[in-house]
Amino acid sequence: DIEGTLRQIVEELSQSHPGTTFETNIDTPEPV
């Protein structure tokens, strides 16, 4: 679940860097 992995990382960094905006675009339908 690449999308879930990436969104978790962004969430963790968002909490520790509340003043920064993260612009994400994740489109990973193919199995990895």
PDB file of all heavy atoms in Angstrom:
ATOM      1  N   ASP A   1       0.854  -1.195   0.000  1.00  0.00           N
ATOM      2  CA  ASP A   1       0.000   0.000   0.000  1.00  0.00           C
ATOM      3  C   ASP A   1       0.890   1.245   0.000  1.00  0.00           C
ATOM      4  O   ASP A   1       1.111   1.875   1.030  1.00  0.00           O
ATOM      5  CB  ASP A   1      -0.919  -0.013   1.217  1.00  0.00           C
ATOM      6  CG  ASP A   1      -1.848   1.207   1.258  1.00  0.00           C
ATOM      7  OD1 ASP A   1      -1.956   1.919   0.237  1.00  0.00           O
ATOM      8  OD2 ASP A   1      -2.445   1.452   2.333  1.00  0.00           O
ATOM      9  N   ILE A   2       1.393   1.585  -1.188  1.00  0.00           N
ATOM     10  CA  ILE A   2       2.299   2.732  -1.304  1.00  0.00           C
ATOM     11  C   ILE A   2       1.598   4.016  -0.892  1.00  0.00           C
ATOM     12  O   ILE A   2       2.171   4.863  -0.177  1.00  0.00           O
ATOM     13  CB  ILE A   2       2.846   2.850  -2.745  1.00  0.00           C
ATOM     14  CG1 ILE A   2       3.882   1.765  -2.998  1.00  0.00           C
ATOM     15  CG2 ILE A   2       3.468   4.230  -2.977  1.00  0.00           C
ATOM     16  CD1 ILE A   2       5.130   1.882  -2.155  1.00  0.00           C
ATOM     17  N   GLU A   3       0.350   4.189  -1.318  1.00  0.00           N
ATOM     18  CA  GLU A   3      -0.365   5.423  -0.977  1.00  0.00           C
ATOM     19  C   GLU A   3      -0.492   5.578   0.532  1.00  0.00           C
ATOM     20  O   GLU A   3      -0.244   6.661   1.078  1.00  0.00           O
ATOM     21  CB  GLU A   3      -1.751   5.431  -1.624  1.00  0.00           C
ATOM     22  CG  GLU A   3      -2.534   6.702  -1.289  1.00  0.00           C
ATOM     23  CD  GLU A   3      -3.858   6.803  -2.030  1.00  0.00           C
ATOM     24  OE1 GLU A   3      -4.122   5.940  -2.892  1.00  0.00           O
ATOM     25  OE2 GLU A   3      -4.617   7.754  -1.751  1.00  0.00           O
ATOM     26  N   GLY A   4      -0.862   4.492   1.228  1.00  0.00           N
ATOM     27  CA  GLY A   4      -0.984   4.568   2.675  1.00  0.00           C
ATOM     28  C   GLY A   4       0.338   4.889   3.346  1.00  0.00           C
ATOM     29  O   GLY A   4       0.395   5.671   4.298  1.00  0.00           O
ATOM     30  N   THR A   5       1.425   4.286   2.835  1.00  0.00           N
ATOM     31  CA  THR A   5       2.754   4.546   3.396  1.00  0.00           C
ATOM     32  C   THR A   5       3.129   6.014   3.242  1.00  0.00           C
ATOM     33  O   THR A   5       3.602   6.654   4.195  1.00  0.00           O
ATOM     34  CB  THR A   5       3.806   3.668   2.696  1.00  0.00           C
ATOM     35  OG1 THR A   5       3.524   2.292   2.947  1.00  0.00           O
ATOM     36  CG2 THR A   5       5.213   3.997   3.197  1.00  0.00           C
ATOM     37  N   LEU A   6       2.904   6.566   2.053  1.00  0.00           N
ATOM     38  CA  LEU A   6       3.282   7.952   1.793  1.00  0.00           C
ATOM     39  C   LEU A   6       2.431   8.923   2.598  1.00  0.00           C
ATOM     40  O   LEU A   6       2.944   9.917   3.141  1.00  0.00           O
ATOM     41  CB  LEU A   6       3.155   8.258   0.298  1.00  0.00           C
ATOM     42  CG  LEU A   6       4.068   7.438  -0.629  1.00  0.00           C
ATOM     43  CD1 LEU A   6       3.868   7.859  -2.079  1.00  0.00           C
ATOM     44  CD2 LEU A   6       5.527   7.579  -0.230  1.00  0.00           C
ATOM     45  N   ARG A   7       1.157   8.648   2.701  1.00  0.00           N
ATOM     46  CA  ARG A   7       0.280   9.566   3.445  1.00  0.00           C
ATOM     47  C   ARG A   7       0.617   9.545   4.939  1.00  0.00           C
ATOM     48  O   ARG A   7       0.506  10.576   5.617  1.00  0.00           O
ATOM     49  CB  ARG A   7      -1.181   9.204   3.215  1.00  0.00           C
ATOM     50  CG  ARG A   7      -1.636   9.450   1.779  1.00  0.00           C
ATOM     51  CD  ARG A   7      -3.144   9.535   1.632  1.00  0.00           C
ATOM     52  NE  ARG A   7      -3.522   9.686   0.233  1.00  0.00           N
ATOM     53  CZ  ARG A   7      -3.467  10.836  -0.437  1.00  0.00           C
ATOM     54  NH1 ARG A   7      -3.061  11.936   0.173  1.00  0.00           N
ATOM     55  NH2 ARG A   7      -3.846  10.892  -1.710  1.00  0.00           N
ATOM     56  N   GLN A   8       1.034   8.404   5.449  1.00  0.00           N
ATOM     57  CA  GLN A   8       1.438   8.340   6.857  1.00  0.00           C
ATOM     58  C   GLN A   8       2.683   9.192   7.101  1.00  0.00           C
ATOM     59  O   GLN A   8       2.763   9.916   8.107  1.00  0.00           O
ATOM     60  CB  GLN A   8       1.709   6.893   7.259  1.00  0.00           C
ATOM     61  CG  GLN A   8       2.157   6.746   8.710  1.00  0.00           C
ATOM     62  CD  GLN A   8       2.450   5.311   9.085  1.00  0.00           C
ATOM     63  OE1 GLN A   8       2.142   4.388   8.348  1.00  0.00           O
ATOM     64  NE2 GLN A   8       3.075   5.131  10.238  1.00  0.00           N
ATOM     65  N   ILE A   9       3.650   9.116   6.185  1.00  0.00           N
ATOM     66  CA  ILE A   9       4.866   9.920   6.322  1.00  0.00           C
ATOM     67  C   ILE A   9       4.534  11.408   6.289  1.00  0.00           C
ATOM     68  O   ILE A   9       5.029  12.198   7.117  1.00  0.00           O
ATOM     69  CB  ILE A   9       5.866   9.581   5.202  1.00  0.00           C
ATOM     70  CG1 ILE A   9       6.342   8.133   5.311  1.00  0.00           C
ATOM     71  CG2 ILE A   9       7.063  10.537   5.230  1.00  0.00           C
ATOM     72  CD1 ILE A   9       7.052   7.800   6.596  1.00  0.00           C
ATOM     73  N   VAL A  10       3.676  11.805   5.356  1.00  0.00           N
ATOM     74  CA  VAL A  10       3.295  13.219   5.251  1.00  0.00           C
ATOM     75  C   VAL A  10       2.567  13.671   6.514  1.00  0.00           C
ATOM     76  O   VAL A  10       2.795  14.779   7.018  1.00  0.00           O
ATOM     77  CB  VAL A  10       2.420  13.455   3.993  1.00  0.00           C
ATOM     78  CG1 VAL A  10       1.849  14.870   3.995  1.00  0.00           C
ATOM     79  CG2 VAL A  10       3.233  13.222   2.734  1.00  0.00           C
ATOM     80  N   GLU A  11       1.701  12.816   7.054  1.00  0.00           N
ATOM     81  CA  GLU A  11       0.957  13.155   8.269  1.00  0.00           C
ATOM     82  C   GLU A  11       1.904  13.372   9.434  1.00  0.00           C
ATOM     83  O   GLU A  11       1.753  14.334  10.205  1.00  0.00           O
ATOM     84  CB  GLU A  11      -0.045  12.042   8.585  1.00  0.00           C
ATOM     85  CG  GLU A  11      -0.804  12.236   9.895  1.00  0.00           C
ATOM     86  CD  GLU A  11      -1.694  13.470   9.894  1.00  0.00           C
ATOM     87  OE1 GLU A  11      -2.063  13.941   8.798  1.00  0.00           O
ATOM     88  OE2 GLU A  11      -1.994  13.979  10.999  1.00  0.00           O
ATOM     89  N   GLU A  12       2.890  12.489   9.592  1.00  0.00           N
ATOM     90  CA  GLU A  12       3.841  12.622  10.691  1.00  0.00           C
ATOM     91  C   GLU A  12       4.640  13.919  10.576  1.00  0.00           C
ATOM     92  O   GLU A  12       4.837  14.627  11.562  1.00  0.00           O
ATOM     93  CB  GLU A  12       4.786  11.422  10.707  1.00  0.00           C
ATOM     94  CG  GLU A  12       4.119  10.117  11.110  1.00  0.00           C
ATOM     95  CD  GLU A  12       5.034   8.916  10.976  1.00  0.00           C
ATOM     96  OE1 GLU A  12       6.176   9.108  10.483  1.00  0.00           O
ATOM     97  OE2 GLU A  12       4.629   7.802  11.341  1.00  0.00           O
ATOM     98  N   LEU A  13       5.098  14.226   9.367  1.00  0.00           N
ATOM     99  CA  LEU A  13       5.882  15.446   9.174  1.00  0.00           C
ATOM    100  C   LEU A  13       5.018  16.694   9.290  1.00  0.00           C
ATOM    101  O   LEU A  13       5.489  17.746   9.719  1.00  0.00           O
ATOM    102  CB  LEU A  13       6.591  15.404   7.818  1.00  0.00           C
ATOM    103  CG  LEU A  13       7.726  14.381   7.724  1.00  0.00           C
ATOM    104  CD1 LEU A  13       8.274  14.304   6.305  1.00  0.00           C
ATOM    105  CD2 LEU A  13       8.854  14.726   8.682  1.00  0.00           C
ATOM    106  N   SER A  14       3.746  16.587   8.914  1.00  0.00           N
ATOM    107  CA  SER A  14       2.842  17.734   9.050  1.00  0.00           C
ATOM    108  C   SER A  14       2.666  18.106  10.521  1.00  0.00           C
ATOM    109  O   SER A  14       2.605  19.284  10.873  1.00  0.00           O
ATOM    110  CB  SER A  14       1.478  17.416   8.432  1.00  0.00           C
ATOM    111  OG  SER A  14       1.576  17.202   7.048  1.00  0.00           O
ATOM    112  N   GLN A  15       2.594  17.080  11.379  1.00  0.00           N
ATOM    113  CA  GLN A  15       2.425  17.350  12.806  1.00  0.00           C
ATOM    114  C   GLN A  15       3.656  18.000  13.411  1.00  0.00           C
ATOM    115  O   GLN A  15       3.540  18.836  14.305  1.00  0.00           O
ATOM    116  CB  GLN A  15       2.099  16.045  13.538  1.00  0.00           C
ATOM    117  CG  GLN A  15       0.736  15.469  13.183  1.00  0.00           C
ATOM    118  CD  GLN A  15       0.439  14.180  13.924  1.00  0.00           C
ATOM    119  OE1 GLN A  15       1.177  13.781  14.818  1.00  0.00           O
ATOM    120  NE2 GLN A  15      -0.646  13.515  13.560  1.00  0.00           N
ATOM    121  N   SER A  16       4.838  17.607  12.934  1.00  0.00           N
ATOM    122  CA  SER A  16       6.060  18.180  13.491  1.00  0.00           C
ATOM    123  C   SER A  16       6.482  19.479  12.787  1.00  0.00           C
ATOM    124  O   SER A  16       7.381  20.153  13.253  1.00  0.00           O
ATOM    125  CB  SER A  16       7.207  17.160  13.421  1.00  0.00           C
ATOM    126  OG  SER A  16       7.451  16.758  12.092  1.00  0.00           O
ATOM    127  N   HIS A  17       5.829  19.811  11.661  1.00  0.00           N
ATOM    128  CA  HIS A  17       6.113  21.061  10.937  1.00  0.00           C
ATOM    129  C   HIS A  17       4.778  21.743  10.604  1.00  0.00           C
ATOM    130  O   HIS A  17       4.373  21.830   9.437  1.00  0.00           O
ATOM    131  CB  HIS A  17       6.904  20.793   9.653  1.00  0.00           C
ATOM    132  CG  HIS A  17       8.260  20.230   9.889  1.00  0.00           C
ATOM    133  ND1 HIS A  17       8.475  18.894  10.173  1.00  0.00           N
ATOM    134  CD2 HIS A  17       9.491  20.823   9.914  1.00  0.00           C
ATOM    135  CE1 HIS A  17       9.760  18.689  10.335  1.00  0.00           C
ATOM    136  NE2 HIS A  17      10.397  19.825  10.202  1.00  0.00           N
ATOM    137  N   PRO A  18       4.063  22.213  11.650  1.00  0.00           N
ATOM    138  CA  PRO A  18       2.720  22.764  11.411  1.00  0.00           C
ATOM    139  C   PRO A  18       2.696  23.999  10.530  1.00  0.00           C
ATOM    140  O   PRO A  18       1.662  24.336   9.977  1.00  0.00           O
ATOM    141  CB  PRO A  18       2.237  23.081  12.838  1.00  0.00           C
ATOM    142  CG  PRO A  18       3.490  23.239  13.652  1.00  0.00           C
ATOM    143  CD  PRO A  18       4.468  22.277  13.055  1.00  0.00           C
ATOM    144  N   GLY A  19       3.810  24.666  10.375  1.00  0.00           N
ATOM    145  CA  GLY A  19       3.831  25.871   9.546  1.00  0.00           C
ATOM    146  C   GLY A  19       4.065  25.610   8.071  1.00  0.00           C
ATOM    147  O   GLY A  19       4.101  26.548   7.269  1.00  0.00           O
ATOM    148  N   THR A  20       4.229  24.363   7.676  1.00  0.00           N
ATOM    149  CA  THR A  20       4.532  24.017   6.286  1.00  0.00           C
ATOM    150  C   THR A  20       3.333  23.348   5.629  1.00  0.00           C
ATOM    151  O   THR A  20       2.682  22.479   6.214  1.00  0.00           O
ATOM    152  CB  THR A  20       5.746  23.072   6.209  1.00  0.00           C
ATOM    153  OG1 THR A  20       6.879  23.715   6.786  1.00  0.00           O
ATOM    154  CG2 THR A  20       6.057  22.715   4.759  1.00  0.00           C
ATOM    155  N   THR A  21       3.050  23.749   4.396  1.00  0.00           N
ATOM    156  CA  THR A  21       1.996  23.123   3.598  1.00  0.00           C
ATOM    157  C   THR A  21       2.596  22.028   2.729  1.00  0.00           C
ATOM    158  O   THR A  21       3.607  22.246   2.066  1.00  0.00           O
ATOM    159  CB  THR A  21       1.299  24.164   2.703  1.00  0.00           C
ATOM    160  OG1 THR A  21       0.710  25.171   3.521  1.00  0.00           O
ATOM    161  CG2 THR A  21       0.219  23.510   1.849  1.00  0.00           C
ATOM    162  N   PHE A  22       1.974  20.855   2.737  1.00  0.00           N
ATOM    163  CA  PHE A  22       2.408  19.748   1.887  1.00  0.00           C
ATOM    164  C   PHE A  22       1.394  19.583   0.759  1.00  0.00           C
ATOM    165  O   PHE A  22       0.204  19.359   1.013  1.00  0.00           O
ATOM    166  CB  PHE A  22       2.508  18.451   2.692  1.00  0.00           C
ATOM    167  CG  PHE A  22       3.634  18.434   3.679  1.00  0.00           C
ATOM    168  CD1 PHE A  22       3.489  19.010   4.930  1.00  0.00           C
ATOM    169  CD2 PHE A  22       4.857  17.852   3.357  1.00  0.00           C
ATOM    170  CE1 PHE A  22       4.529  18.996   5.847  1.00  0.00           C
ATOM    171  CE2 PHE A  22       5.904  17.833   4.267  1.00  0.00           C
ATOM    172  CZ  PHE A  22       5.730  18.411   5.513  1.00  0.00           C
ATOM    173  N   GLU A  23       1.862  19.718  -0.474  1.00  0.00           N
ATOM    174  CA  GLU A  23       1.006  19.528  -1.648  1.00  0.00           C
ATOM    175  C   GLU A  23       1.262  18.135  -2.204  1.00  0.00           C
ATOM    176  O   GLU A  23       2.350  17.857  -2.718  1.00  0.00           O
ATOM    177  CB  GLU A  23       1.297  20.603  -2.699  1.00  0.00           C
ATOM    178  CG  GLU A  23       0.957  22.014  -2.211  1.00  0.00           C
ATOM    179  CD  GLU A  23       1.222  23.079  -3.274  1.00  0.00           C
ATOM    180  OE1 GLU A  23       1.911  22.753  -4.274  1.00  0.00           O
ATOM    181  OE2 GLU A  23       0.749  24.210  -3.102  1.00  0.00           O
ATOM    182  N   THR A  24       0.276  17.244  -2.082  1.00  0.00           N
ATOM    183  CA  THR A  24       0.466  15.853  -2.479  1.00  0.00           C
ATOM    184  C   THR A  24      -0.449  15.479  -3.630  1.00  0.00           C
ATOM    185  O   THR A  24      -1.587  15.952  -3.727  1.00  0.00           O
ATOM    186  CB  THR A  24       0.190  14.908  -1.293  1.00  0.00           C
ATOM    187  OG1 THR A  24      -1.166  15.058  -0.866  1.00  0.00           O
ATOM    188  CG2 THR A  24       1.116  15.216  -0.130  1.00  0.00           C
ATOM    189  N   ASN A  25       0.064  14.616  -4.482  1.00  0.00           N
ATOM    190  CA  ASN A  25      -0.707  14.052  -5.594  1.00  0.00           C
ATOM    191  C   ASN A  25      -0.249  12.612  -5.761  1.00  0.00           C
ATOM    192  O   ASN A  25       0.820  12.355  -6.318  1.00  0.00           O
ATOM    193  CB  ASN A  25      -0.478  14.853  -6.878  1.00  0.00           C
ATOM    194  CG  ASN A  25      -1.335  14.343  -8.036  1.00  0.00           C
ATOM    195  OD1 ASN A  25      -2.089  13.383  -7.890  1.00  0.00           O
ATOM    196  ND2 ASN A  25      -1.223  14.982  -9.185  1.00  0.00           N
ATOM    197  N   ILE A  26      -1.041  11.674  -5.239  1.00  0.00           N
ATOM    198  CA  ILE A  26      -0.644  10.270  -5.235  1.00  0.00           C
ATOM    199  C   ILE A  26      -1.607   9.468  -6.105  1.00  0.00           C
ATOM    200  O   ILE A  26      -2.811   9.425  -5.839  1.00  0.00           O
ATOM    201  CB  ILE A  26      -0.639   9.717  -3.793  1.00  0.00           C
ATOM    202  CG1 ILE A  26       0.328  10.534  -2.915  1.00  0.00           C
ATOM    203  CG2 ILE A  26      -0.235   8.239  -3.782  1.00  0.00           C
ATOM    204  CD1 ILE A  26       0.297  10.149  -1.448  1.00  0.00           C
ATOM    205  N   ASP A  27      -1.084   8.835  -7.128  1.00  0.00           N
ATOM    206  CA  ASP A  27      -1.879   8.020  -8.047  1.00  0.00           C
ATOM    207  C   ASP A  27      -1.092   6.742  -8.330  1.00  0.00           C
ATOM    208  O   ASP A  27      -0.303   6.673  -9.270  1.00  0.00           O
ATOM    209  CB  ASP A  27      -2.154   8.797  -9.340  1.00  0.00           C
ATOM    210  CG  ASP A  27      -3.029   8.011 -10.313  1.00  0.00           C
ATOM    211  OD1 ASP A  27      -3.703   7.064  -9.872  1.00  0.00           O
ATOM    212  OD2 ASP A  27      -3.012   8.327 -11.522  1.00  0.00           O
ATOM    213  N   THR A  28      -1.277   5.736  -7.471  1.00  0.00           N
ATOM    214  CA  THR A  28      -0.469   4.510  -7.544  1.00  0.00           C
ATOM    215  C   THR A  28      -1.359   3.273  -7.575  1.00  0.00           C
ATOM    216  O   THR A  28      -1.344   2.449  -6.643  1.00  0.00           O
ATOM    217  CB  THR A  28       0.493   4.439  -6.346  1.00  0.00           C
ATOM    218  OG1 THR A  28      -0.279   4.543  -5.121  1.00  0.00           O
ATOM    219  CG2 THR A  28       1.504   5.581  -6.388  1.00  0.00           C
ATOM    220  N   PRO A  29      -2.158   3.096  -8.645  1.00  0.00           N
ATOM    221  CA  PRO A  29      -3.070   1.948  -8.692  1.00  0.00           C
ATOM    222  C   PRO A  29      -2.377   0.615  -8.974  1.00  0.00           C
ATOM    223  O   PRO A  29      -2.913  -0.443  -8.641  1.00  0.00           O
ATOM    224  CB  PRO A  29      -4.025   2.320  -9.827  1.00  0.00           C
ATOM    225  CG  PRO A  29      -3.199   3.184 -10.728  1.00  0.00           C
ATOM    226  CD  PRO A  29      -2.307   3.973  -9.823  1.00  0.00           C
ATOM    227  N   GLU A  30      -1.186   0.640  -9.585  1.00  0.00           N
ATOM    228  CA  GLU A  30      -0.505  -0.594  -9.952  1.00  0.00           C
ATOM    229  C   GLU A  30       0.137  -1.243  -8.727  1.00  0.00           C
ATOM    230  O   GLU A  30       0.626  -0.548  -7.834  1.00  0.00           O
ATOM    231  CB  GLU A  30       0.572  -0.315 -11.003  1.00  0.00           C
ATOM    232  CG  GLU A  30       0.048   0.291 -12.293  1.00  0.00           C
ATOM    233  CD  GLU A  30      -0.904  -0.641 -13.009  1.00  0.00           C
ATOM    234  OE1 GLU A  30      -0.666  -1.873 -12.974  1.00  0.00           O
ATOM    235  OE2 GLU A  30      -1.891  -0.149 -13.582  1.00  0.00           O
ATOM    236  N   PRO A  31       0.151  -2.569  -8.645  1.00  0.00           N
ATOM    237  CA  PRO A  31       0.801  -3.255  -7.514  1.00  0.00           C
ATOM    238  C   PRO A  31       2.310  -3.036  -7.527  1.00  0.00           C
ATOM    239  O   PRO A  31       2.943  -3.035  -8.579  1.00  0.00           O
ATOM    240  CB  PRO A  31       0.443  -4.727  -7.739  1.00  0.00           C
ATOM    241  CG  PRO A  31       0.160  -4.841  -9.204  1.00  0.00           C
ATOM    242  CD  PRO A  31      -0.437  -3.530  -9.618  1.00  0.00           C
ATOM    243  N   VAL A  32       2.868  -2.851  -6.321  1.00  0.00           N
ATOM    244  CA  VAL A  32       4.300  -2.590  -6.179  1.00  0.00           C
ATOM    245  C   VAL A  32       4.889  -3.620  -5.223  1.00  0.00           C
ATOM    246  O   VAL A  32       4.313  -3.906  -4.170  1.00  0.00           O
ATOM    247  CB  VAL A  32       4.559  -1.170  -5.629  1.00  0.00           C
ATOM    248  CG1 VAL A  32       6.054  -0.919  -5.487  1.00  0.00           C
ATOM    249  CG2 VAL A  32       3.922  -0.125  -6.526  1.00  0.00           C
TER     250      VAL A  32
END
